[in-house]
Amino acid sequence: MVLTEMNEERRIRLENIANTDYEIFALLKQRYSPRIFRNKKIGKEHLKQLFEAVRWSPSTDNEQPWRFIYAERGSDAYEKMVGCLTQDNQRWAARAPLLMLSIYKEQMGDGSLNALAMQDLGISLGCMTIQAQYLGIGVHHMAGFDKQLAGELLKVPEGYTIASTIAMGYFGGNLDQLPEDLQEQETEERTRMTQEYFAFKNYWQTSHNADGNLL
């Protein structure tokens, strides 16, 4: 990577560090969902580390309902995943070094419905995402894709539900690869609702004004 690219990567990553109201773990502050990635294949050892983080995440009765299908750019499976994405996601995700489907098993080992399977998958993805951040790997979760088509093309069996598609690669890349509107999104200031909107002591608070602000 030439110096100007390194400087741009550093600038974008620094600008995307969250301006938190309270101090939190540094990797959580640094985490964001990039749309550009370095043109470099994710190393086998790093992939093993990502899935090891998943392996040791918590799950209901240790059912471990998570499943993943991943494909590297240039493979037939990768092109099939790209074809399942919405056109908006294809504009940037088609350049990611790796695409992945996150999937959960619908039933427990005894055949009953696992009502918390999606939650357990979500926790495992959180663990994977922070491990990825530690390794310098950006993770971008997507809901914009055709789940039914993806299941058919990637041969996902009955009893399993595809939850999301994930684009992944080492931080870096050239901002000019993106259309102008996505360049702006990549570098715009990150914002979040304040804790008062979602953390309620004792009872649910539902009082908001016309602008949606908590009273």
N, C-alpha and C. Protein backbone atom coordinates (compact mmCIF):
# COMPACT_ATOMS: atom_id res chain seq x y z
N MET A 1 0.84 -1.19 0.00
CA MET A 1 0.00 0.00 0.00
C MET A 1 0.88 1.25 0.00
N VAL A 2 0.60 2.19 -0.90
CA VAL A 2 1.39 3.40 -0.96
C VAL A 2 1.04 4.30 0.21
N LEU A 3 1.90 5.29 0.46
CA LEU A 3 1.76 6.13 1.64
C LEU A 3 0.42 6.87 1.66
N THR A 4 0.00 7.39 0.49
CA THR A 4 -1.26 8.14 0.46
C THR A 4 -2.44 7.25 0.85
N GLU A 5 -2.43 5.97 0.41
CA GLU A 5 -3.50 5.05 0.76
C GLU A 5 -3.47 4.77 2.25
N MET A 6 -2.26 4.61 2.82
CA MET A 6 -2.14 4.37 4.25
C MET A 6 -2.67 5.55 5.04
N ASN A 7 -2.36 6.76 4.57
CA ASN A 7 -2.84 7.95 5.26
C ASN A 7 -4.35 8.05 5.19
N GLU A 8 -4.94 7.71 4.03
CA GLU A 8 -6.39 7.76 3.89
C GLU A 8 -7.05 6.72 4.78
N GLU A 9 -6.50 5.50 4.81
CA GLU A 9 -7.05 4.46 5.67
C GLU A 9 -7.01 4.90 7.12
N ARG A 10 -5.88 5.44 7.55
CA ARG A 10 -5.74 5.89 8.94
C ARG A 10 -6.73 7.01 9.25
N ARG A 11 -6.88 7.94 8.33
CA ARG A 11 -7.80 9.06 8.55
C ARG A 11 -9.23 8.54 8.71
N ILE A 12 -9.67 7.66 7.82
CA ILE A 12 -11.04 7.15 7.87
C ILE A 12 -11.28 6.39 9.17
N ARG A 13 -10.32 5.55 9.56
CA ARG A 13 -10.49 4.78 10.78
C ARG A 13 -10.52 5.67 12.01
N LEU A 14 -9.68 6.71 12.02
CA LEU A 14 -9.67 7.63 13.16
C LEU A 14 -10.98 8.40 13.24
N GLU A 15 -11.48 8.83 12.08
CA GLU A 15 -12.72 9.60 12.07
C GLU A 15 -13.91 8.76 12.48
N ASN A 16 -13.82 7.44 12.33
CA ASN A 16 -14.93 6.56 12.67
C ASN A 16 -14.88 6.04 14.10
N ILE A 17 -13.90 6.46 14.89
CA ILE A 17 -13.89 6.09 16.30
C ILE A 17 -15.07 6.80 16.99
N ALA A 18 -15.87 6.03 17.68
CA ALA A 18 -17.09 6.57 18.28
C ALA A 18 -16.78 7.61 19.36
N ASN A 19 -17.55 8.69 19.35
CA ASN A 19 -17.46 9.71 20.39
C ASN A 19 -18.46 9.35 21.48
N THR A 20 -18.05 8.46 22.39
CA THR A 20 -18.97 7.90 23.37
C THR A 20 -19.23 8.86 24.52
N ASP A 21 -20.41 8.72 25.12
CA ASP A 21 -20.75 9.52 26.30
C ASP A 21 -20.03 9.00 27.54
N TYR A 22 -19.73 7.70 27.53
CA TYR A 22 -19.03 7.07 28.65
C TYR A 22 -17.92 6.20 28.09
N GLU A 23 -16.87 6.03 28.84
CA GLU A 23 -15.72 5.27 28.36
C GLU A 23 -16.06 3.78 28.25
N ILE A 24 -15.74 3.19 27.11
CA ILE A 24 -15.97 1.76 26.88
C ILE A 24 -14.71 1.14 26.29
N PHE A 25 -14.71 -0.17 26.14
CA PHE A 25 -13.59 -0.91 25.60
C PHE A 25 -13.18 -0.34 24.24
N ALA A 26 -11.89 -0.17 24.03
CA ALA A 26 -11.40 0.53 22.84
C ALA A 26 -11.86 -0.12 21.54
N LEU A 27 -11.88 -1.46 21.48
CA LEU A 27 -12.29 -2.13 20.24
C LEU A 27 -13.75 -1.84 19.91
N LEU A 28 -14.57 -1.64 20.93
CA LEU A 28 -15.97 -1.28 20.68
C LEU A 28 -16.08 0.13 20.11
N LYS A 29 -15.26 1.03 20.59
CA LYS A 29 -15.26 2.40 20.08
C LYS A 29 -14.77 2.45 18.63
N GLN A 30 -13.81 1.59 18.30
CA GLN A 30 -13.20 1.62 16.98
C GLN A 30 -14.03 0.89 15.92
N ARG A 31 -14.94 0.02 16.37
CA ARG A 31 -15.71 -0.79 15.43
C ARG A 31 -16.65 0.05 14.58
N TYR A 32 -16.64 -0.16 13.28
CA TYR A 32 -17.64 0.41 12.39
C TYR A 32 -17.79 -0.53 11.21
N SER A 33 -18.75 -0.29 10.37
CA SER A 33 -19.06 -1.19 9.26
C SER A 33 -18.56 -0.59 7.95
N PRO A 34 -17.36 -0.95 7.51
CA PRO A 34 -16.78 -0.34 6.30
C PRO A 34 -17.43 -0.85 5.02
N ARG A 35 -17.33 -0.04 3.98
CA ARG A 35 -17.78 -0.44 2.64
C ARG A 35 -16.60 -0.61 1.69
N ILE A 36 -15.41 -0.32 2.17
CA ILE A 36 -14.20 -0.54 1.37
C ILE A 36 -13.24 -1.41 2.17
N PHE A 37 -12.47 -2.21 1.45
CA PHE A 37 -11.55 -3.14 2.10
C PHE A 37 -10.25 -3.20 1.31
N ARG A 38 -9.19 -3.58 1.98
CA ARG A 38 -7.92 -3.79 1.30
C ARG A 38 -8.05 -4.97 0.34
N ASN A 39 -7.39 -4.87 -0.78
CA ASN A 39 -7.43 -5.95 -1.77
C ASN A 39 -6.48 -7.07 -1.33
N LYS A 40 -6.90 -7.79 -0.29
CA LYS A 40 -6.07 -8.83 0.28
C LYS A 40 -6.95 -9.93 0.84
N LYS A 41 -6.63 -11.16 0.53
CA LYS A 41 -7.36 -12.31 1.03
C LYS A 41 -7.19 -12.44 2.54
N ILE A 42 -8.28 -12.74 3.25
CA ILE A 42 -8.18 -12.95 4.69
C ILE A 42 -7.40 -14.23 4.96
N GLY A 43 -6.41 -14.15 5.81
CA GLY A 43 -5.55 -15.28 6.10
C GLY A 43 -6.29 -16.43 6.76
N LYS A 44 -5.87 -17.65 6.47
CA LYS A 44 -6.51 -18.84 7.02
C LYS A 44 -6.49 -18.82 8.54
N GLU A 45 -5.37 -18.44 9.14
CA GLU A 45 -5.27 -18.41 10.59
C GLU A 45 -6.24 -17.38 11.18
N HIS A 46 -6.39 -16.24 10.53
CA HIS A 46 -7.34 -15.24 11.01
C HIS A 46 -8.78 -15.74 10.92
N LEU A 47 -9.10 -16.46 9.84
CA LEU A 47 -10.45 -17.03 9.73
C LEU A 47 -10.70 -18.02 10.86
N LYS A 48 -9.71 -18.84 11.16
CA LYS A 48 -9.86 -19.80 12.26
C LYS A 48 -10.08 -19.07 13.59
N GLN A 49 -9.40 -17.95 13.77
CA GLN A 49 -9.57 -17.18 15.00
C GLN A 49 -10.98 -16.58 15.09
N LEU A 50 -11.51 -16.14 13.96
CA LEU A 50 -12.86 -15.59 13.95
C LEU A 50 -13.88 -16.64 14.36
N PHE A 51 -13.77 -17.82 13.79
CA PHE A 51 -14.72 -18.88 14.12
C PHE A 51 -14.47 -19.46 15.52
N GLU A 52 -13.26 -19.34 16.03
CA GLU A 52 -13.00 -19.77 17.40
C GLU A 52 -13.69 -18.82 18.37
N ALA A 53 -13.73 -17.53 18.04
CA ALA A 53 -14.47 -16.57 18.87
C ALA A 53 -15.95 -16.93 18.90
N VAL A 54 -16.48 -17.34 17.76
CA VAL A 54 -17.87 -17.81 17.70
C VAL A 54 -18.04 -19.06 18.56
N ARG A 55 -17.11 -19.96 18.42
CA ARG A 55 -17.20 -21.27 19.10
C ARG A 55 -17.36 -21.12 20.61
N TRP A 56 -16.75 -20.11 21.19
CA TRP A 56 -16.78 -19.93 22.64
C TRP A 56 -17.76 -18.86 23.09
N SER A 57 -18.66 -18.44 22.21
CA SER A 57 -19.69 -17.50 22.63
C SER A 57 -20.83 -18.27 23.31
N PRO A 58 -21.63 -17.59 24.15
CA PRO A 58 -22.68 -18.28 24.90
C PRO A 58 -23.89 -18.62 24.04
N SER A 59 -24.59 -19.69 24.43
CA SER A 59 -25.83 -20.07 23.74
C SER A 59 -26.74 -20.82 24.70
N THR A 60 -28.03 -20.83 24.40
CA THR A 60 -29.03 -21.48 25.24
C THR A 60 -28.75 -22.98 25.35
N ASP A 61 -28.60 -23.47 26.58
CA ASP A 61 -28.31 -24.89 26.83
C ASP A 61 -27.12 -25.39 26.01
N ASN A 62 -26.22 -24.48 25.66
CA ASN A 62 -25.04 -24.82 24.87
C ASN A 62 -25.41 -25.50 23.55
N GLU A 63 -26.54 -25.08 22.96
CA GLU A 63 -26.99 -25.67 21.70
C GLU A 63 -26.13 -25.24 20.51
N GLN A 64 -25.52 -24.07 20.61
CA GLN A 64 -24.64 -23.57 19.55
C GLN A 64 -25.32 -23.65 18.17
N PRO A 65 -26.42 -22.90 17.99
CA PRO A 65 -27.22 -23.03 16.77
C PRO A 65 -26.64 -22.33 15.54
N TRP A 66 -25.53 -21.63 15.70
CA TRP A 66 -24.98 -20.85 14.59
C TRP A 66 -24.35 -21.76 13.52
N ARG A 67 -24.51 -21.34 12.29
CA ARG A 67 -23.87 -21.98 11.14
C ARG A 67 -23.44 -20.87 10.18
N PHE A 68 -22.39 -21.10 9.41
CA PHE A 68 -21.88 -20.09 8.48
C PHE A 68 -21.45 -20.75 7.17
N ILE A 69 -21.73 -20.06 6.09
CA ILE A 69 -21.17 -20.43 4.79
C ILE A 69 -20.38 -19.22 4.31
N TYR A 70 -19.11 -19.40 4.01
CA TYR A 70 -18.30 -18.27 3.55
C TYR A 70 -17.65 -18.60 2.22
N ALA A 71 -17.39 -17.56 1.45
CA ALA A 71 -16.82 -17.73 0.11
C ALA A 71 -15.88 -16.58 -0.19
N GLU A 72 -14.74 -16.90 -0.81
CA GLU A 72 -13.75 -15.88 -1.16
C GLU A 72 -14.01 -15.34 -2.56
N ARG A 73 -13.66 -14.09 -2.75
CA ARG A 73 -13.85 -13.44 -4.05
C ARG A 73 -13.16 -14.25 -5.15
N GLY A 74 -13.87 -14.41 -6.25
CA GLY A 74 -13.34 -15.18 -7.36
C GLY A 74 -13.91 -16.59 -7.45
N SER A 75 -14.55 -17.05 -6.37
CA SER A 75 -15.13 -18.39 -6.37
C SER A 75 -16.56 -18.35 -6.91
N ASP A 76 -17.05 -19.51 -7.32
CA ASP A 76 -18.41 -19.63 -7.83
C ASP A 76 -19.42 -19.29 -6.73
N ALA A 77 -19.17 -19.77 -5.52
CA ALA A 77 -20.08 -19.51 -4.41
C ALA A 77 -20.16 -18.01 -4.10
N TYR A 78 -19.02 -17.33 -4.22
CA TYR A 78 -18.98 -15.88 -3.98
C TYR A 78 -19.89 -15.17 -4.98
N GLU A 79 -19.79 -15.52 -6.25
CA GLU A 79 -20.61 -14.88 -7.27
C GLU A 79 -22.09 -15.15 -7.02
N LYS A 80 -22.41 -16.33 -6.53
CA LYS A 80 -23.80 -16.63 -6.21
C LYS A 80 -24.29 -15.75 -5.06
N MET A 81 -23.44 -15.55 -4.05
CA MET A 81 -23.82 -14.67 -2.95
C MET A 81 -24.02 -13.24 -3.43
N VAL A 82 -23.13 -12.77 -4.28
CA VAL A 82 -23.27 -11.42 -4.82
C VAL A 82 -24.60 -11.28 -5.55
N GLY A 83 -24.97 -12.31 -6.31
CA GLY A 83 -26.22 -12.27 -7.07
C GLY A 83 -27.45 -12.23 -6.20
N CYS A 84 -27.32 -12.62 -4.94
CA CYS A 84 -28.46 -12.59 -4.01
C CYS A 84 -28.61 -11.24 -3.31
N LEU A 85 -27.59 -10.39 -3.39
CA LEU A 85 -27.63 -9.09 -2.72
C LEU A 85 -28.53 -8.12 -3.47
N THR A 86 -29.07 -7.15 -2.75
CA THR A 86 -29.79 -6.07 -3.41
C THR A 86 -28.81 -5.27 -4.28
N GLN A 87 -29.33 -4.57 -5.26
CA GLN A 87 -28.46 -3.78 -6.13
C GLN A 87 -27.69 -2.74 -5.33
N ASP A 88 -28.30 -2.18 -4.31
CA ASP A 88 -27.61 -1.17 -3.50
C ASP A 88 -26.40 -1.78 -2.79
N ASN A 89 -26.56 -2.99 -2.26
CA ASN A 89 -25.44 -3.64 -1.59
C ASN A 89 -24.39 -4.14 -2.58
N GLN A 90 -24.82 -4.52 -3.77
CA GLN A 90 -23.87 -4.97 -4.78
C GLN A 90 -22.90 -3.87 -5.18
N ARG A 91 -23.33 -2.62 -5.05
CA ARG A 91 -22.48 -1.49 -5.47
C ARG A 91 -21.15 -1.46 -4.73
N TRP A 92 -21.12 -2.00 -3.52
CA TRP A 92 -19.87 -1.97 -2.75
C TRP A 92 -19.42 -3.36 -2.29
N ALA A 93 -20.38 -4.21 -1.92
CA ALA A 93 -20.02 -5.50 -1.33
C ALA A 93 -19.41 -6.46 -2.33
N ALA A 94 -19.65 -6.23 -3.62
CA ALA A 94 -19.10 -7.13 -4.64
C ALA A 94 -17.58 -7.06 -4.72
N ARG A 95 -16.96 -6.11 -4.02
CA ARG A 95 -15.49 -5.99 -3.99
C ARG A 95 -14.89 -6.55 -2.71
N ALA A 96 -15.71 -6.96 -1.77
CA ALA A 96 -15.18 -7.47 -0.51
C ALA A 96 -14.40 -8.76 -0.74
N PRO A 97 -13.30 -8.96 -0.02
CA PRO A 97 -12.53 -10.19 -0.18
C PRO A 97 -13.30 -11.45 0.20
N LEU A 98 -14.28 -11.31 1.10
CA LEU A 98 -15.01 -12.48 1.56
C LEU A 98 -16.46 -12.12 1.86
N LEU A 99 -17.36 -13.00 1.47
CA LEU A 99 -18.77 -12.86 1.80
C LEU A 99 -19.20 -14.08 2.60
N MET A 100 -20.15 -13.87 3.50
CA MET A 100 -20.55 -14.94 4.41
C MET A 100 -22.05 -14.88 4.68
N LEU A 101 -22.67 -16.04 4.80
CA LEU A 101 -24.04 -16.15 5.26
C LEU A 101 -24.04 -16.56 6.72
N SER A 102 -24.81 -15.88 7.55
CA SER A 102 -25.01 -16.31 8.93
C SER A 102 -26.35 -17.02 9.01
N ILE A 103 -26.35 -18.17 9.67
CA ILE A 103 -27.50 -19.07 9.66
C ILE A 103 -27.70 -19.61 11.07
N TYR A 104 -28.96 -19.91 11.42
CA TYR A 104 -29.19 -20.55 12.71
C TYR A 104 -30.09 -21.78 12.55
N LYS A 105 -29.84 -22.75 13.41
CA LYS A 105 -30.64 -23.97 13.47
C LYS A 105 -31.92 -23.67 14.24
N GLU A 106 -33.06 -24.01 13.69
CA GLU A 106 -34.34 -23.61 14.26
C GLU A 106 -34.75 -24.43 15.48
N GLN A 107 -34.31 -25.68 15.58
CA GLN A 107 -34.77 -26.55 16.66
C GLN A 107 -33.64 -26.91 17.62
N MET A 108 -34.04 -27.21 18.84
CA MET A 108 -33.12 -27.72 19.85
C MET A 108 -32.79 -29.17 19.53
N GLY A 109 -31.85 -29.73 20.27
CA GLY A 109 -31.48 -31.12 20.05
C GLY A 109 -32.62 -32.09 20.27
N ASP A 110 -33.59 -31.71 21.14
CA ASP A 110 -34.72 -32.60 21.43
C ASP A 110 -35.88 -32.40 20.46
N GLY A 111 -35.70 -31.54 19.47
CA GLY A 111 -36.73 -31.33 18.46
C GLY A 111 -37.66 -30.17 18.74
N SER A 112 -37.57 -29.57 19.92
CA SER A 112 -38.42 -28.42 20.23
C SER A 112 -37.85 -27.15 19.59
N LEU A 113 -38.73 -26.14 19.46
CA LEU A 113 -38.32 -24.88 18.85
C LEU A 113 -37.30 -24.17 19.73
N ASN A 114 -36.23 -23.71 19.12
CA ASN A 114 -35.24 -22.91 19.84
C ASN A 114 -35.62 -21.44 19.68
N ALA A 115 -36.36 -20.92 20.62
CA ALA A 115 -36.88 -19.56 20.53
C ALA A 115 -35.77 -18.51 20.62
N LEU A 116 -34.61 -18.89 21.12
CA LEU A 116 -33.51 -17.94 21.30
C LEU A 116 -32.38 -18.17 20.30
N ALA A 117 -32.64 -18.95 19.26
CA ALA A 117 -31.58 -19.26 18.30
C ALA A 117 -31.03 -18.02 17.62
N MET A 118 -31.92 -17.10 17.22
CA MET A 118 -31.44 -15.89 16.55
C MET A 118 -30.65 -15.02 17.51
N GLN A 119 -31.09 -14.97 18.77
CA GLN A 119 -30.33 -14.21 19.77
C GLN A 119 -28.93 -14.81 19.92
N ASP A 120 -28.86 -16.14 20.01
CA ASP A 120 -27.57 -16.78 20.18
C ASP A 120 -26.66 -16.54 18.98
N LEU A 121 -27.24 -16.58 17.78
CA LEU A 121 -26.46 -16.25 16.58
C LEU A 121 -25.96 -14.82 16.66
N GLY A 122 -26.83 -13.90 17.10
CA GLY A 122 -26.43 -12.50 17.21
C GLY A 122 -25.28 -12.30 18.18
N ILE A 123 -25.32 -13.01 19.32
CA ILE A 123 -24.22 -12.90 20.28
C ILE A 123 -22.93 -13.42 19.66
N SER A 124 -23.03 -14.54 18.92
CA SER A 124 -21.84 -15.10 18.30
C SER A 124 -21.26 -14.16 17.26
N LEU A 125 -22.12 -13.46 16.54
CA LEU A 125 -21.65 -12.50 15.54
C LEU A 125 -21.00 -11.30 16.22
N GLY A 126 -21.52 -10.91 17.39
CA GLY A 126 -20.88 -9.85 18.14
C GLY A 126 -19.47 -10.24 18.56
N CYS A 127 -19.31 -11.49 19.02
CA CYS A 127 -17.98 -11.97 19.40
C CYS A 127 -17.06 -12.01 18.19
N MET A 128 -17.57 -12.48 17.06
CA MET A 128 -16.77 -12.53 15.84
C MET A 128 -16.35 -11.13 15.41
N THR A 129 -17.27 -10.19 15.49
CA THR A 129 -17.01 -8.83 15.04
C THR A 129 -15.90 -8.16 15.85
N ILE A 130 -15.92 -8.35 17.18
CA ILE A 130 -14.88 -7.75 18.02
C ILE A 130 -13.55 -8.45 17.80
N GLN A 131 -13.56 -9.77 17.63
CA GLN A 131 -12.32 -10.48 17.30
C GLN A 131 -11.76 -9.98 15.98
N ALA A 132 -12.65 -9.75 15.01
CA ALA A 132 -12.22 -9.22 13.71
C ALA A 132 -11.60 -7.84 13.86
N GLN A 133 -12.21 -7.00 14.68
CA GLN A 133 -11.66 -5.66 14.91
C GLN A 133 -10.26 -5.75 15.47
N TYR A 134 -10.04 -6.67 16.38
CA TYR A 134 -8.72 -6.89 16.99
C TYR A 134 -7.69 -7.27 15.94
N LEU A 135 -8.14 -8.00 14.90
CA LEU A 135 -7.24 -8.48 13.85
C LEU A 135 -7.11 -7.49 12.69
N GLY A 136 -7.79 -6.34 12.79
CA GLY A 136 -7.74 -5.37 11.70
C GLY A 136 -8.64 -5.72 10.54
N ILE A 137 -9.70 -6.48 10.84
CA ILE A 137 -10.64 -6.92 9.82
C ILE A 137 -11.97 -6.20 10.02
N GLY A 138 -12.46 -5.59 8.95
CA GLY A 138 -13.75 -4.91 9.00
C GLY A 138 -14.87 -5.87 8.67
N VAL A 139 -16.00 -5.73 9.37
CA VAL A 139 -17.15 -6.61 9.19
C VAL A 139 -18.38 -5.74 8.95
N HIS A 140 -19.10 -6.03 7.87
CA HIS A 140 -20.31 -5.25 7.55
C HIS A 140 -21.47 -6.22 7.38
N HIS A 141 -22.41 -6.18 8.32
CA HIS A 141 -23.58 -7.05 8.29
C HIS A 141 -24.66 -6.45 7.40
N MET A 142 -25.31 -7.30 6.61
CA MET A 142 -26.32 -6.82 5.66
C MET A 142 -27.61 -7.63 5.77
N ALA A 143 -28.72 -6.92 5.67
CA ALA A 143 -30.04 -7.58 5.61
C ALA A 143 -30.60 -7.56 4.19
N GLY A 144 -30.00 -6.75 3.32
CA GLY A 144 -30.52 -6.57 1.96
C GLY A 144 -30.06 -7.66 1.01
N PHE A 145 -30.78 -8.79 1.01
CA PHE A 145 -30.48 -9.88 0.09
C PHE A 145 -31.68 -10.81 0.01
N ASP A 146 -31.69 -11.67 -0.99
CA ASP A 146 -32.77 -12.62 -1.20
C ASP A 146 -32.46 -13.90 -0.43
N LYS A 147 -33.09 -14.09 0.70
CA LYS A 147 -32.80 -15.24 1.56
C LYS A 147 -33.18 -16.56 0.90
N GLN A 148 -34.34 -16.56 0.25
CA GLN A 148 -34.79 -17.81 -0.37
C GLN A 148 -33.84 -18.25 -1.47
N LEU A 149 -33.44 -17.31 -2.31
CA LEU A 149 -32.51 -17.63 -3.39
C LEU A 149 -31.17 -18.07 -2.84
N ALA A 150 -30.68 -17.38 -1.81
CA ALA A 150 -29.40 -17.75 -1.21
C ALA A 150 -29.45 -19.17 -0.66
N GLY A 151 -30.56 -19.51 -0.03
CA GLY A 151 -30.70 -20.86 0.52
C GLY A 151 -30.68 -21.92 -0.56
N GLU A 152 -31.32 -21.62 -1.68
CA GLU A 152 -31.35 -22.57 -2.79
C GLU A 152 -29.98 -22.72 -3.43
N LEU A 153 -29.32 -21.59 -3.69
CA LEU A 153 -28.04 -21.62 -4.40
C LEU A 153 -26.92 -22.21 -3.55
N LEU A 154 -26.97 -21.94 -2.23
CA LEU A 154 -25.89 -22.41 -1.35
C LEU A 154 -26.26 -23.68 -0.60
N LYS A 155 -27.41 -24.26 -0.96
CA LYS A 155 -27.82 -25.59 -0.48
C LYS A 155 -28.01 -25.65 1.04
N VAL A 156 -28.66 -24.63 1.59
CA VAL A 156 -28.98 -24.62 3.01
C VAL A 156 -30.16 -25.57 3.25
N PRO A 157 -30.03 -26.55 4.14
CA PRO A 157 -31.09 -27.54 4.32
C PRO A 157 -32.28 -26.99 5.10
N GLU A 158 -33.39 -27.72 5.06
CA GLU A 158 -34.56 -27.36 5.84
C GLU A 158 -34.22 -27.43 7.33
N GLY A 159 -34.89 -26.59 8.09
CA GLY A 159 -34.62 -26.55 9.52
C GLY A 159 -33.58 -25.53 9.91
N TYR A 160 -33.06 -24.81 8.92
CA TYR A 160 -32.07 -23.76 9.16
C TYR A 160 -32.54 -22.48 8.48
N THR A 161 -32.34 -21.35 9.15
CA THR A 161 -32.77 -20.05 8.64
C THR A 161 -31.57 -19.14 8.42
N ILE A 162 -31.49 -18.55 7.23
CA ILE A 162 -30.45 -17.57 6.95
C ILE A 162 -30.86 -16.24 7.57
N ALA A 163 -29.98 -15.66 8.35
CA ALA A 163 -30.29 -14.41 9.05
C ALA A 163 -29.73 -13.19 8.34
N SER A 164 -28.48 -13.27 7.87
CA SER A 164 -27.84 -12.10 7.28
C SER A 164 -26.72 -12.51 6.34
N THR A 165 -26.28 -11.54 5.54
CA THR A 165 -25.08 -11.70 4.74
C THR A 165 -24.03 -10.75 5.31
N ILE A 166 -22.78 -11.15 5.26
CA ILE A 166 -21.70 -10.36 5.86
C ILE A 166 -20.60 -10.16 4.84
N ALA A 167 -20.17 -8.92 4.68
CA ALA A 167 -18.99 -8.61 3.86
C ALA A 167 -17.82 -8.39 4.81
N MET A 168 -16.65 -8.90 4.43
CA MET A 168 -15.53 -8.89 5.36
C MET A 168 -14.21 -8.71 4.62
N GLY A 169 -13.30 -7.98 5.23
CA GLY A 169 -11.97 -7.81 4.66
C GLY A 169 -11.13 -6.93 5.56
N TYR A 170 -9.83 -6.90 5.31
CA TYR A 170 -8.94 -6.05 6.10
C TYR A 170 -9.27 -4.58 5.83
N PHE A 171 -9.19 -3.78 6.87
CA PHE A 171 -9.43 -2.35 6.71
C PHE A 171 -8.45 -1.77 5.69
N GLY A 172 -8.94 -0.85 4.90
CA GLY A 172 -8.11 -0.22 3.89
C GLY A 172 -8.92 -0.02 2.62
N GLY A 173 -8.25 -0.04 1.49
CA GLY A 173 -8.95 0.18 0.23
C GLY A 173 -9.01 1.64 -0.15
N ASN A 174 -9.51 1.88 -1.33
CA ASN A 174 -9.55 3.22 -1.90
C ASN A 174 -10.98 3.74 -1.85
N LEU A 175 -11.16 4.89 -1.23
CA LEU A 175 -12.48 5.49 -1.11
C LEU A 175 -13.08 5.77 -2.48
N ASP A 176 -12.26 6.01 -3.48
CA ASP A 176 -12.74 6.31 -4.83
C ASP A 176 -13.43 5.12 -5.48
N GLN A 177 -13.31 3.93 -4.90
CA GLN A 177 -14.00 2.77 -5.43
C GLN A 177 -15.52 2.90 -5.26
N LEU A 178 -15.93 3.74 -4.33
CA LEU A 178 -17.35 3.87 -4.02
C LEU A 178 -18.00 5.00 -4.81
N PRO A 179 -19.29 4.87 -5.14
CA PRO A 179 -20.04 6.01 -5.68
C PRO A 179 -20.03 7.16 -4.68
N GLU A 180 -20.26 8.37 -5.17
CA GLU A 180 -20.13 9.56 -4.31
C GLU A 180 -21.02 9.50 -3.08
N ASP A 181 -22.27 9.02 -3.23
CA ASP A 181 -23.17 8.99 -2.09
C ASP A 181 -22.67 8.03 -1.01
N LEU A 182 -22.04 6.91 -1.41
CA LEU A 182 -21.51 5.97 -0.44
C LEU A 182 -20.19 6.48 0.16
N GLN A 183 -19.44 7.27 -0.59
CA GLN A 183 -18.24 7.90 -0.03
C GLN A 183 -18.63 8.80 1.14
N GLU A 184 -19.71 9.54 0.98
CA GLU A 184 -20.18 10.42 2.04
C GLU A 184 -20.60 9.62 3.26
N GLN A 185 -21.32 8.50 3.04
CA GLN A 185 -21.74 7.66 4.16
C GLN A 185 -20.54 7.04 4.88
N GLU A 186 -19.51 6.73 4.12
CA GLU A 186 -18.33 6.09 4.70
C GLU A 186 -17.59 7.02 5.65
N THR A 187 -17.70 8.32 5.43
CA THR A 187 -16.91 9.28 6.20
C THR A 187 -17.76 10.24 7.04
N GLU A 188 -19.09 10.12 6.98
CA GLU A 188 -19.92 11.03 7.75
C GLU A 188 -19.84 10.72 9.24
N GLU A 189 -20.18 11.70 10.05
CA GLU A 189 -20.11 11.54 11.50
C GLU A 189 -21.07 10.46 11.97
N ARG A 190 -20.58 9.58 12.84
CA ARG A 190 -21.40 8.51 13.37
C ARG A 190 -22.23 9.02 14.54
N THR A 191 -23.49 8.63 14.57
CA THR A 191 -24.38 9.07 15.65
C THR A 191 -25.15 7.88 16.21
N ARG A 192 -25.59 8.00 17.43
CA ARG A 192 -26.43 7.00 18.08
C ARG A 192 -27.43 7.71 18.98
N MET A 193 -28.60 7.08 19.19
CA MET A 193 -29.54 7.60 20.17
C MET A 193 -28.91 7.51 21.56
N THR A 194 -29.33 8.38 22.45
CA THR A 194 -28.80 8.35 23.81
C THR A 194 -29.44 7.20 24.59
N GLN A 195 -28.84 6.85 25.71
CA GLN A 195 -29.29 5.69 26.49
C GLN A 195 -30.73 5.83 26.98
N GLU A 196 -31.18 7.08 27.16
CA GLU A 196 -32.54 7.29 27.65
C GLU A 196 -33.60 6.70 26.73
N TYR A 197 -33.25 6.49 25.46
CA TYR A 197 -34.21 5.95 24.50
C TYR A 197 -34.43 4.45 24.66
N PHE A 198 -33.46 3.75 25.26
CA PHE A 198 -33.57 2.28 25.24
C PHE A 198 -33.30 1.59 26.58
N ALA A 199 -32.83 2.33 27.58
CA ALA A 199 -32.53 1.72 28.88
C ALA A 199 -33.43 2.35 29.93
N PHE A 200 -34.44 1.60 30.39
CA PHE A 200 -35.44 2.13 31.31
C PHE A 200 -35.32 1.46 32.68
N LYS A 201 -35.29 2.26 33.72
CA LYS A 201 -35.23 1.73 35.07
C LYS A 201 -36.64 1.48 35.60
N ASN A 202 -36.88 0.28 36.05
CA ASN A 202 -38.13 -0.15 36.70
C ASN A 202 -39.29 -0.34 35.73
N TYR A 203 -39.63 0.67 34.91
CA TYR A 203 -40.79 0.57 34.02
C TYR A 203 -40.46 1.13 32.65
N TRP A 204 -41.23 0.67 31.65
CA TRP A 204 -41.07 1.15 30.28
C TRP A 204 -41.47 2.61 30.18
N GLN A 205 -40.68 3.39 29.48
CA GLN A 205 -40.99 4.79 29.25
C GLN A 205 -41.35 4.97 27.78
N THR A 206 -42.53 5.52 27.52
CA THR A 206 -43.01 5.65 26.15
C THR A 206 -43.36 7.09 25.78
N SER A 207 -43.03 8.06 26.62
CA SER A 207 -43.43 9.44 26.38
C SER A 207 -42.42 10.13 25.47
N HIS A 208 -42.84 10.44 24.23
CA HIS A 208 -41.99 11.14 23.26
C HIS A 208 -42.77 12.30 22.66
N ASN A 209 -42.05 13.32 22.24
CA ASN A 209 -42.72 14.44 21.59
C ASN A 209 -42.87 14.16 20.09
N ALA A 210 -43.37 15.12 19.33
CA ALA A 210 -43.65 14.92 17.91
C ALA A 210 -42.40 14.64 17.10
N ASP A 211 -41.26 15.09 17.58
CA ASP A 211 -39.99 14.85 16.88
C ASP A 211 -39.37 13.50 17.25
N GLY A 212 -40.05 12.75 18.09
CA GLY A 212 -39.52 11.46 18.49
C GLY A 212 -38.54 11.52 19.64
N ASN A 213 -38.40 12.70 20.23
CA ASN A 213 -37.45 12.86 21.34
C ASN A 213 -38.09 12.45 22.66
N LEU A 214 -37.32 11.81 23.51
CA LEU A 214 -37.82 11.39 24.82
C LEU A 214 -38.09 12.62 25.68
N LEU A 215 -39.27 12.65 26.31
CA LEU A 215 -39.63 13.77 27.17
C LEU A 215 -39.10 13.57 28.58
